[in-house]
Amino acid sequence: MRDFPSCFGESGVQVADASSCSSVAVSKSSQNCVTCIYKCKLFDESCLISIVWGKNLMGQCVSVEIDDESHNFVCKMDIKLSLFSKKKGSKCLDLNSCNIEVFWDLCSAKFGSGPEALGFYYIGIVCRGEMVFLIGDLTEQALKKTGASASLSRCVLVSRRENIFGKRVFGTKARFCEKGEVHDLKIECDTNCSSNDPVLVVSVDAKSVVLVKNLRWKFRGNCTIVLDDRLVEVFWDVHNWLFGSGLGNAVFMFRTSLDAEKESKLSNLGCSLILYAWKNE
């Protein structure tokens, strides 16, 4: 599976190549993860903070990884949510000879069928007495626990990657702007149809927004749709579904577009949702 390198500028988030998934044995547990990447500032320098939610037979886990703007690894820590591990705590990390502190409280975290916490939790990073990064809905509890002040600089979600599973229909929920509505996103594709001419349909809130016929010739492509009064670029790569053998996945990306004037003011390139769609045979 190829990347979509042209979709991002130099400060964008690189999409991991999924081609290795078809050449090695990939377990369900390794596929069952959600990765959210945020652009943030630590010690006045831009960085990328990755929150990786995972789920396996031992339970849920979450990793916090910090990279510089060039995607060079800086530091990482893991939080295991098993019966024998701490679901609430803090840890100091060394960041280029400077200290930051990661706080978390997942004692009452609510989980659905996936690996990501849905509510009643927080994960925060304190730098120089400021809460420079905070996710979860327990904002007041996080500020009270850490004694930190809310940061004036804003963290921005720049990428979300998740794995979805199905036979013919794949579904998830997505938000295409920070304070926008949560939409039901559905992808339909029957690669085993009797006509030998599969069709790809992408729907948002039960309304078809992308229809691709002659898919064997158009297994990779892109188009632009309008959602929440903004342009969203849709990219697809279903080569593995049609021509691959064994375990393989399709890749879909939804990237919000900002016009040039807004991009220069906001200093970001919108947000990208990347879906790895695995067929359950």
C-alpha atoms as a PDB file:
ATOM      1  CA  MET A   1       0.000   0.000   0.000  1.00  0.00           C
ATOM      2  CA  ARG A   2       1.434   3.335  -0.978  1.00  0.00           C
ATOM      3  CA  ASP A   3       1.409   6.514   1.054  1.00  0.00           C
ATOM      4  CA  PHE A   4      -0.320   9.722   0.098  1.00  0.00           C
ATOM      5  CA  PRO A   5       2.798  11.945   0.289  1.00  0.00           C
ATOM      6  CA  SER A   6       1.427  14.774  -1.827  1.00  0.00           C
ATOM      7  CA  CYS A   7      -1.383  15.403   0.639  1.00  0.00           C
ATOM      8  CA  PHE A   8       0.757  17.172   3.194  1.00  0.00           C
ATOM      9  CA  GLY A   9       3.034  20.170   3.346  1.00  0.00           C
ATOM     10  CA  GLU A  10       6.377  20.149   5.063  1.00  0.00           C
ATOM     11  CA  SER A  11       4.786  20.622   8.492  1.00  0.00           C
ATOM     12  CA  GLY A  12       2.157  17.957   7.908  1.00  0.00           C
ATOM     13  CA  VAL A  13       2.025  14.469   9.314  1.00  0.00           C
ATOM     14  CA  GLN A  14       3.547  11.611   7.384  1.00  0.00           C
ATOM     15  CA  VAL A  15       1.310   8.601   6.737  1.00  0.00           C
ATOM     16  CA  ALA A  16       2.903   5.322   7.710  1.00  0.00           C
ATOM     17  CA  ASP A  17       3.333   2.886   4.830  1.00  0.00           C
ATOM     18  CA  ALA A  18       1.019  -0.079   5.271  1.00  0.00           C
ATOM     19  CA  SER A  19       2.623  -2.278   2.630  1.00  0.00           C
ATOM     20  CA  SER A  20       4.466  -4.281   5.257  1.00  0.00           C
ATOM     21  CA  CYS A  21       1.125  -5.477   6.623  1.00  0.00           C
ATOM     22  CA  SER A  22       0.645  -7.827   3.690  1.00  0.00           C
ATOM     23  CA  SER A  23       4.147  -9.281   3.887  1.00  0.00           C
ATOM     24  CA  VAL A  24       4.195 -10.163   7.590  1.00  0.00           C
ATOM     25  CA  ALA A  25       1.715 -11.740   9.937  1.00  0.00           C
ATOM     26  CA  VAL A  26      -0.341  -8.968  11.505  1.00  0.00           C
ATOM     27  CA  SER A  27      -2.311  -9.861  14.607  1.00  0.00           C
ATOM     28  CA  LYS A  28      -5.712  -8.464  15.458  1.00  0.00           C
ATOM     29  CA  SER A  29      -4.264  -6.870  18.580  1.00  0.00           C
ATOM     30  CA  SER A  30      -1.666  -4.891  16.631  1.00  0.00           C
ATOM     31  CA  GLN A  31      -4.392  -3.683  14.275  1.00  0.00           C
ATOM     32  CA  ASN A  32      -6.662  -2.641  17.116  1.00  0.00           C
ATOM     33  CA  CYS A  33      -5.239   0.795  17.815  1.00  0.00           C
ATOM     34  CA  VAL A  34      -6.085   4.477  17.353  1.00  0.00           C
ATOM     35  CA  THR A  35      -3.402   7.140  16.933  1.00  0.00           C
ATOM     36  CA  CYS A  36      -4.061  10.861  17.404  1.00  0.00           C
ATOM     37  CA  ILE A  37      -1.280  13.340  16.576  1.00  0.00           C
ATOM     38  CA  TYR A  38      -1.328  16.892  17.924  1.00  0.00           C
ATOM     39  CA  LYS A  39       0.804  19.893  17.072  1.00  0.00           C
ATOM     40  CA  CYS A  40       1.896  21.658  20.231  1.00  0.00           C
ATOM     41  CA  LYS A  41       4.617  23.892  21.695  1.00  0.00           C
ATOM     42  CA  LEU A  42       7.096  22.821  24.359  1.00  0.00           C
ATOM     43  CA  PHE A  43       9.753  25.280  25.539  1.00  0.00           C
ATOM     44  CA  ASP A  44       8.668  27.615  22.703  1.00  0.00           C
ATOM     45  CA  GLU A  45       9.446  24.951  20.093  1.00  0.00           C
ATOM     46  CA  SER A  46       6.835  23.256  17.907  1.00  0.00           C
ATOM     47  CA  CYS A  47       6.524  19.511  18.401  1.00  0.00           C
ATOM     48  CA  LEU A  48       4.211  16.598  17.625  1.00  0.00           C
ATOM     49  CA  ILE A  49       2.555  14.673  20.447  1.00  0.00           C
ATOM     50  CA  SER A  50       1.181  11.235  19.540  1.00  0.00           C
ATOM     51  CA  ILE A  51      -1.406   9.520  21.724  1.00  0.00           C
ATOM     52  CA  VAL A  52      -1.696   5.846  20.777  1.00  0.00           C
ATOM     53  CA  TRP A  53      -4.602   3.874  22.226  1.00  0.00           C
ATOM     54  CA  GLY A  54      -4.252   0.096  22.014  1.00  0.00           C
ATOM     55  CA  LYS A  55      -6.232  -2.953  23.046  1.00  0.00           C
ATOM     56  CA  ASN A  56      -5.191  -6.583  23.406  1.00  0.00           C
ATOM     57  CA  LEU A  57      -6.011  -9.638  25.490  1.00  0.00           C
ATOM     58  CA  MET A  58      -4.429  -8.018  28.542  1.00  0.00           C
ATOM     59  CA  GLY A  59      -6.645  -4.923  28.293  1.00  0.00           C
ATOM     60  CA  GLN A  60      -6.248  -1.321  27.188  1.00  0.00           C
ATOM     61  CA  CYS A  61      -3.019   0.650  27.036  1.00  0.00           C
ATOM     62  CA  VAL A  62      -2.005   4.123  25.907  1.00  0.00           C
ATOM     63  CA  SER A  63       1.337   5.553  24.796  1.00  0.00           C
ATOM     64  CA  VAL A  64       2.495   9.159  24.804  1.00  0.00           C
ATOM     65  CA  GLU A  65       5.209   9.918  22.262  1.00  0.00           C
ATOM     66  CA  ILE A  66       6.851  13.265  21.535  1.00  0.00           C
ATOM     67  CA  ASP A  67       8.641  14.024  18.265  1.00  0.00           C
ATOM     68  CA  ASP A  68      10.106  17.238  16.938  1.00  0.00           C
ATOM     69  CA  GLU A  69       8.547  18.949  13.927  1.00  0.00           C
ATOM     70  CA  SER A  70      10.796  16.938  11.599  1.00  0.00           C
ATOM     71  CA  HIS A  71       9.369  13.686  13.030  1.00  0.00           C
ATOM     72  CA  ASN A  72      12.575  12.852  14.906  1.00  0.00           C
ATOM     73  CA  PHE A  73      11.866  10.799  18.039  1.00  0.00           C
ATOM     74  CA  VAL A  74      12.399  12.650  21.319  1.00  0.00           C
ATOM     75  CA  CYS A  75      10.809  10.604  24.113  1.00  0.00           C
ATOM     76  CA  LYS A  76       8.024   8.134  24.872  1.00  0.00           C
ATOM     77  CA  MET A  77       6.160   6.624  27.818  1.00  0.00           C
ATOM     78  CA  ASP A  78       3.556   3.849  28.124  1.00  0.00           C
ATOM     79  CA  ILE A  79       0.551   3.671  30.436  1.00  0.00           C
ATOM     80  CA  LYS A  80      -0.815   0.157  30.941  1.00  0.00           C
ATOM     81  CA  LEU A  81      -4.404  -0.104  32.106  1.00  0.00           C
ATOM     82  CA  SER A  82      -4.368  -3.630  33.504  1.00  0.00           C
ATOM     83  CA  LEU A  83      -5.553  -4.690  36.952  1.00  0.00           C
ATOM     84  CA  PHE A  84      -1.993  -4.534  38.261  1.00  0.00           C
ATOM     85  CA  SER A  85      -0.943  -1.138  36.921  1.00  0.00           C
ATOM     86  CA  LYS A  86      -1.539   2.444  38.001  1.00  0.00           C
ATOM     87  CA  LYS A  87      -4.464   4.092  36.232  1.00  0.00           C
ATOM     88  CA  LYS A  88      -3.665   7.435  37.846  1.00  0.00           C
ATOM     89  CA  GLY A  89      -0.307   9.070  38.281  1.00  0.00           C
ATOM     90  CA  SER A  90       2.440  11.239  36.840  1.00  0.00           C
ATOM     91  CA  LYS A  91       5.892  10.844  35.370  1.00  0.00           C
ATOM     92  CA  CYS A  92       8.743  13.239  34.648  1.00  0.00           C
ATOM     93  CA  LEU A  93      10.328  13.027  31.217  1.00  0.00           C
ATOM     94  CA  ASP A  94      13.609  14.463  30.027  1.00  0.00           C
ATOM     95  CA  LEU A  95      13.117  16.557  26.914  1.00  0.00           C
ATOM     96  CA  ASN A  96      16.423  17.792  25.512  1.00  0.00           C
ATOM     97  CA  SER A  97      17.861  18.254  29.031  1.00  0.00           C
ATOM     98  CA  CYS A  98      14.639  19.957  30.204  1.00  0.00           C
ATOM     99  CA  ASN A  99      11.936  18.354  32.317  1.00  0.00           C
ATOM    100  CA  ILE A 100       8.256  18.038  31.560  1.00  0.00           C
ATOM    101  CA  GLU A 101       5.688  16.087  33.548  1.00  0.00           C
ATOM    102  CA  VAL A 102       2.943  13.838  32.198  1.00  0.00           C
ATOM    103  CA  PHE A 103      -0.196  13.444  34.340  1.00  0.00           C
ATOM    104  CA  TRP A 104      -3.009  10.977  33.765  1.00  0.00           C
ATOM    105  CA  ASP A 105      -6.196   9.755  35.422  1.00  0.00           C
ATOM    106  CA  LEU A 106      -7.982   6.840  33.753  1.00  0.00           C
ATOM    107  CA  CYS A 107      -9.466   5.293  36.901  1.00  0.00           C
ATOM    108  CA  SER A 108     -13.051   5.940  35.792  1.00  0.00           C
ATOM    109  CA  ALA A 109     -12.397   6.073  32.047  1.00  0.00           C
ATOM    110  CA  LYS A 110     -15.275   4.884  29.898  1.00  0.00           C
ATOM    111  CA  PHE A 111     -14.404   2.603  26.971  1.00  0.00           C
ATOM    112  CA  GLY A 112     -16.533   1.296  24.125  1.00  0.00           C
ATOM    113  CA  SER A 113     -15.736  -1.621  21.852  1.00  0.00           C
ATOM    114  CA  GLY A 114     -12.584   0.110  20.578  1.00  0.00           C
ATOM    115  CA  PRO A 115      -9.292   0.912  22.316  1.00  0.00           C
ATOM    116  CA  GLU A 116      -9.861   4.655  22.822  1.00  0.00           C
ATOM    117  CA  ALA A 117     -11.261   6.154  26.032  1.00  0.00           C
ATOM    118  CA  LEU A 118     -14.607   7.889  25.430  1.00  0.00           C
ATOM    119  CA  GLY A 119     -14.894   9.942  28.608  1.00  0.00           C
ATOM    120  CA  PHE A 120     -14.228  10.407  32.325  1.00  0.00           C
ATOM    121  CA  TYR A 121     -10.437  10.745  31.960  1.00  0.00           C
ATOM    122  CA  TYR A 122      -7.580  13.128  31.261  1.00  0.00           C
ATOM    123  CA  ILE A 123      -4.012  12.992  29.998  1.00  0.00           C
ATOM    124  CA  GLY A 124      -2.002  16.190  30.332  1.00  0.00           C
ATOM    125  CA  ILE A 125       1.515  17.525  29.950  1.00  0.00           C
ATOM    126  CA  VAL A 126       2.832  20.302  32.175  1.00  0.00           C
ATOM    127  CA  CYS A 127       5.754  22.462  31.060  1.00  0.00           C
ATOM    128  CA  ARG A 128       7.015  25.454  33.051  1.00  0.00           C
ATOM    129  CA  GLY A 129       3.902  25.372  35.211  1.00  0.00           C
ATOM    130  CA  GLU A 130       1.573  25.467  32.215  1.00  0.00           C
ATOM    131  CA  MET A 131      -0.778  22.731  31.014  1.00  0.00           C
ATOM    132  CA  VAL A 132       0.485  22.800  27.438  1.00  0.00           C
ATOM    133  CA  PHE A 133      -1.381  19.640  26.396  1.00  0.00           C
ATOM    134  CA  LEU A 134      -4.635  18.214  27.711  1.00  0.00           C
ATOM    135  CA  ILE A 135      -7.131  15.692  26.338  1.00  0.00           C
ATOM    136  CA  GLY A 136     -10.176  14.174  27.996  1.00  0.00           C
ATOM    137  CA  ASP A 137     -13.229  15.688  29.617  1.00  0.00           C
ATOM    138  CA  LEU A 138     -11.919  16.103  33.184  1.00  0.00           C
ATOM    139  CA  THR A 139     -10.330  19.495  32.540  1.00  0.00           C
ATOM    140  CA  GLU A 140     -11.049  21.043  35.943  1.00  0.00           C
ATOM    141  CA  GLN A 141      -9.802  17.972  37.802  1.00  0.00           C
ATOM    142  CA  ALA A 142      -6.595  17.970  35.748  1.00  0.00           C
ATOM    143  CA  LEU A 143      -5.811  21.630  36.454  1.00  0.00           C
ATOM    144  CA  LYS A 144      -6.605  21.193  40.154  1.00  0.00           C
ATOM    145  CA  LYS A 145      -4.498  18.041  40.487  1.00  0.00           C
ATOM    146  CA  THR A 146      -1.440  19.481  38.738  1.00  0.00           C
ATOM    147  CA  GLY A 147      -1.743  23.059  40.010  1.00  0.00           C
ATOM    148  CA  ALA A 148      -0.879  24.180  36.500  1.00  0.00           C
ATOM    149  CA  SER A 149      -2.357  27.126  34.663  1.00  0.00           C
ATOM    150  CA  ALA A 150      -4.073  26.719  31.320  1.00  0.00           C
ATOM    151  CA  SER A 151      -1.694  27.426  28.439  1.00  0.00           C
ATOM    152  CA  LEU A 152      -2.333  30.354  26.123  1.00  0.00           C
ATOM    153  CA  SER A 153      -0.949  28.403  23.157  1.00  0.00           C
ATOM    154  CA  ARG A 154      -3.403  25.992  21.559  1.00  0.00           C
ATOM    155  CA  CYS A 155      -2.751  22.345  20.723  1.00  0.00           C
ATOM    156  CA  VAL A 156      -4.150  21.360  17.333  1.00  0.00           C
ATOM    157  CA  LEU A 157      -5.167  17.872  16.216  1.00  0.00           C
ATOM    158  CA  VAL A 158      -3.447  17.333  12.860  1.00  0.00           C
ATOM    159  CA  SER A 159      -3.987  13.620  12.260  1.00  0.00           C
ATOM    160  CA  ARG A 160      -6.053  10.698  13.437  1.00  0.00           C
ATOM    161  CA  ARG A 161      -5.388   7.125  12.325  1.00  0.00           C
ATOM    162  CA  GLU A 162      -7.587   4.172  13.114  1.00  0.00           C
ATOM    163  CA  ASN A 163      -8.303   0.626  11.957  1.00  0.00           C
ATOM    164  CA  ILE A 164     -11.806  -0.400  10.897  1.00  0.00           C
ATOM    165  CA  PHE A 165     -13.112  -3.889  10.129  1.00  0.00           C
ATOM    166  CA  GLY A 166     -15.920  -5.360   8.043  1.00  0.00           C
ATOM    167  CA  LYS A 167     -16.830  -7.633   5.146  1.00  0.00           C
ATOM    168  CA  ARG A 168     -18.557  -5.227   2.787  1.00  0.00           C
ATOM    169  CA  VAL A 169     -19.452  -2.252   4.978  1.00  0.00           C
ATOM    170  CA  PHE A 170     -17.020  -0.312   7.200  1.00  0.00           C
ATOM    171  CA  GLY A 171     -18.148   2.383   9.595  1.00  0.00           C
ATOM    172  CA  THR A 172     -16.801   4.897  12.082  1.00  0.00           C
ATOM    173  CA  LYS A 173     -17.580   8.339  13.471  1.00  0.00           C
ATOM    174  CA  ALA A 174     -15.638  11.446  12.487  1.00  0.00           C
ATOM    175  CA  ARG A 175     -15.453  15.170  13.161  1.00  0.00           C
ATOM    176  CA  PHE A 176     -14.039  17.283  10.341  1.00  0.00           C
ATOM    177  CA  CYS A 177     -13.429  20.498  12.286  1.00  0.00           C
ATOM    178  CA  GLU A 178     -12.562  21.212  15.903  1.00  0.00           C
ATOM    179  CA  LYS A 179     -16.034  22.217  17.089  1.00  0.00           C
ATOM    180  CA  GLY A 180     -17.974  20.596  14.276  1.00  0.00           C
ATOM    181  CA  GLU A 181     -20.664  17.964  14.315  1.00  0.00           C
ATOM    182  CA  VAL A 182     -19.779  14.301  14.753  1.00  0.00           C
ATOM    183  CA  HIS A 183     -20.699  12.493  11.537  1.00  0.00           C
ATOM    184  CA  ASP A 184     -21.439   8.849  10.767  1.00  0.00           C
ATOM    185  CA  LEU A 185     -18.937   7.770   8.110  1.00  0.00           C
ATOM    186  CA  LYS A 186     -19.574   4.621   6.079  1.00  0.00           C
ATOM    187  CA  ILE A 187     -17.536   2.923   3.347  1.00  0.00           C
ATOM    188  CA  GLU A 188     -19.144   0.228   1.185  1.00  0.00           C
ATOM    189  CA  CYS A 189     -17.335  -2.015  -1.288  1.00  0.00           C
ATOM    190  CA  ASP A 190     -18.167  -5.573  -2.323  1.00  0.00           C
ATOM    191  CA  THR A 191     -15.040  -6.955  -3.984  1.00  0.00           C
ATOM    192  CA  ASN A 192     -16.657 -10.387  -4.359  1.00  0.00           C
ATOM    193  CA  CYS A 193     -19.598  -9.188  -6.457  1.00  0.00           C
ATOM    194  CA  SER A 194     -20.731 -11.435  -9.306  1.00  0.00           C
ATOM    195  CA  SER A 195     -20.389  -8.682 -11.930  1.00  0.00           C
ATOM    196  CA  ASN A 196     -16.621  -8.538 -11.383  1.00  0.00           C
ATOM    197  CA  ASP A 197     -16.937  -4.739 -11.431  1.00  0.00           C
ATOM    198  CA  PRO A 198     -16.957  -3.579  -7.791  1.00  0.00           C
ATOM    199  CA  VAL A 199     -18.215  -0.127  -6.838  1.00  0.00           C
ATOM    200  CA  LEU A 200     -16.888   2.013  -3.985  1.00  0.00           C
ATOM    201  CA  VAL A 201     -19.364   4.189  -2.082  1.00  0.00           C
ATOM    202  CA  VAL A 202     -18.498   6.607   0.729  1.00  0.00           C
ATOM    203  CA  SER A 203     -21.416   8.012   2.730  1.00  0.00           C
ATOM    204  CA  VAL A 204     -21.636  10.659   5.426  1.00  0.00           C
ATOM    205  CA  ASP A 205     -24.757  10.606   7.616  1.00  0.00           C
ATOM    206  CA  ALA A 206     -26.406   8.141   5.202  1.00  0.00           C
ATOM    207  CA  LYS A 207     -25.845  10.477   2.240  1.00  0.00           C
ATOM    208  CA  SER A 208     -23.579   9.279  -0.586  1.00  0.00           C
ATOM    209  CA  VAL A 209     -20.711  11.719  -1.149  1.00  0.00           C
ATOM    210  CA  VAL A 210     -18.288   9.572  -3.208  1.00  0.00           C
ATOM    211  CA  LEU A 211     -19.184   7.017  -5.885  1.00  0.00           C
ATOM    212  CA  VAL A 212     -16.398   5.234  -7.782  1.00  0.00           C
ATOM    213  CA  LYS A 213     -17.295   2.861 -10.632  1.00  0.00           C
ATOM    214  CA  ASN A 214     -14.855   0.779 -12.694  1.00  0.00           C
ATOM    215  CA  LEU A 215     -12.888   0.317  -9.498  1.00  0.00           C
ATOM    216  CA  ARG A 216     -10.399  -2.110 -11.042  1.00  0.00           C
ATOM    217  CA  TRP A 217      -9.153   0.802 -13.132  1.00  0.00           C
ATOM    218  CA  LYS A 218      -9.651   3.452 -10.457  1.00  0.00           C
ATOM    219  CA  PHE A 219      -8.342   1.585  -7.405  1.00  0.00           C
ATOM    220  CA  ARG A 220      -6.385   4.694  -6.393  1.00  0.00           C
ATOM    221  CA  GLY A 221      -7.777   8.188  -6.632  1.00  0.00           C
ATOM    222  CA  ASN A 222      -9.058  11.300  -4.938  1.00  0.00           C
ATOM    223  CA  CYS A 223     -11.867  13.835  -5.079  1.00  0.00           C
ATOM    224  CA  THR A 224     -13.127  16.831  -3.097  1.00  0.00           C
ATOM    225  CA  ILE A 225     -16.390  17.034  -1.167  1.00  0.00           C
ATOM    226  CA  VAL A 226     -17.971  19.718   1.034  1.00  0.00           C
ATOM    227  CA  LEU A 227     -18.719  19.029   4.708  1.00  0.00           C
ATOM    228  CA  ASP A 228     -19.481  21.511   7.475  1.00  0.00           C
ATOM    229  CA  ASP A 229     -19.073  24.361   4.968  1.00  0.00           C
ATOM    230  CA  ARG A 230     -15.475  23.420   4.209  1.00  0.00           C
ATOM    231  CA  LEU A 231     -13.652  21.439   1.552  1.00  0.00           C
ATOM    232  CA  VAL A 232     -12.609  17.897   2.429  1.00  0.00           C
ATOM    233  CA  GLU A 233     -10.262  15.972   0.162  1.00  0.00           C
ATOM    234  CA  VAL A 234     -10.967  12.234  -0.013  1.00  0.00           C
ATOM    235  CA  PHE A 235      -8.227   9.796  -1.065  1.00  0.00           C
ATOM    236  CA  TRP A 236      -8.553   6.027  -1.506  1.00  0.00           C
ATOM    237  CA  ASP A 237      -6.265   3.106  -2.245  1.00  0.00           C
ATOM    238  CA  VAL A 238      -8.035  -0.272  -2.504  1.00  0.00           C
ATOM    239  CA  HIS A 239      -5.330  -2.094  -4.487  1.00  0.00           C
ATOM    240  CA  ASN A 240      -4.853  -4.773  -1.817  1.00  0.00           C
ATOM    241  CA  TRP A 241      -8.564  -5.531  -1.746  1.00  0.00           C
ATOM    242  CA  LEU A 242      -8.682  -6.150  -5.475  1.00  0.00           C
ATOM    243  CA  PHE A 243      -5.288  -7.592  -6.335  1.00  0.00           C
ATOM    244  CA  GLY A 244      -3.636  -8.549  -3.048  1.00  0.00           C
ATOM    245  CA  SER A 245      -3.388 -12.004  -1.560  1.00  0.00           C
ATOM    246  CA  GLY A 246      -3.736 -12.934   2.070  1.00  0.00           C
ATOM    247  CA  LEU A 247      -4.061 -10.310   4.780  1.00  0.00           C
ATOM    248  CA  GLY A 248      -4.309  -6.853   3.250  1.00  0.00           C
ATOM    249  CA  ASN A 249      -6.041  -3.563   3.839  1.00  0.00           C
ATOM    250  CA  ALA A 250      -7.327  -0.539   1.980  1.00  0.00           C
ATOM    251  CA  VAL A 251      -6.415   3.008   3.012  1.00  0.00           C
ATOM    252  CA  PHE A 252      -8.738   5.997   3.030  1.00  0.00           C
ATOM    253  CA  MET A 253      -7.833   9.551   3.964  1.00  0.00           C
ATOM    254  CA  PHE A 254     -10.075  12.531   4.624  1.00  0.00           C
ATOM    255  CA  ARG A 255      -8.188  15.822   4.794  1.00  0.00           C
ATOM    256  CA  THR A 256      -9.815  19.128   5.636  1.00  0.00           C
ATOM    257  CA  SER A 257      -8.645  21.937   3.407  1.00  0.00           C
ATOM    258  CA  LEU A 258      -8.059  25.537   4.382  1.00  0.00           C
ATOM    259  CA  ASP A 259      -7.697  28.350   1.902  1.00  0.00           C
ATOM    260  CA  ALA A 260      -4.289  30.038   1.648  1.00  0.00           C
ATOM    261  CA  GLU A 261      -5.290  33.055   3.753  1.00  0.00           C
ATOM    262  CA  LYS A 262      -6.575  30.930   6.617  1.00  0.00           C
ATOM    263  CA  GLU A 263      -3.553  28.615   6.472  1.00  0.00           C
ATOM    264  CA  SER A 264      -1.157  31.529   6.894  1.00  0.00           C
ATOM    265  CA  LYS A 265      -3.112  32.825   9.883  1.00  0.00           C
ATOM    266  CA  LEU A 266      -3.628  29.496  11.641  1.00  0.00           C
ATOM    267  CA  SER A 267      -0.188  28.047  10.824  1.00  0.00           C
ATOM    268  CA  ASN A 268      -1.610  24.584  10.270  1.00  0.00           C
ATOM    269  CA  LEU A 269      -2.792  22.492   7.355  1.00  0.00           C
ATOM    270  CA  GLY A 270      -6.106  21.259   8.648  1.00  0.00           C
ATOM    271  CA  CYS A 271      -6.725  17.791  10.031  1.00  0.00           C
ATOM    272  CA  SER A 272      -6.424  14.385   8.382  1.00  0.00           C
ATOM    273  CA  LEU A 273      -8.405  11.256   9.204  1.00  0.00           C
ATOM    274  CA  ILE A 274      -6.666   8.104   7.943  1.00  0.00           C
ATOM    275  CA  LEU A 275      -8.571   4.817   7.970  1.00  0.00           C
ATOM    276  CA  TYR A 276      -7.011   1.394   7.492  1.00  0.00           C
ATOM    277  CA  ALA A 277      -9.895  -0.859   6.396  1.00  0.00           C
ATOM    278  CA  TRP A 278      -9.433  -4.594   6.996  1.00  0.00           C
ATOM    279  CA  LYS A 279     -11.773  -7.185   5.506  1.00  0.00           C
ATOM    280  CA  ASN A 280     -13.117  -9.930   7.763  1.00  0.00           C
ATOM    281  CA  GLU A 281     -13.294 -12.947   5.473  1.00  0.00           C
END
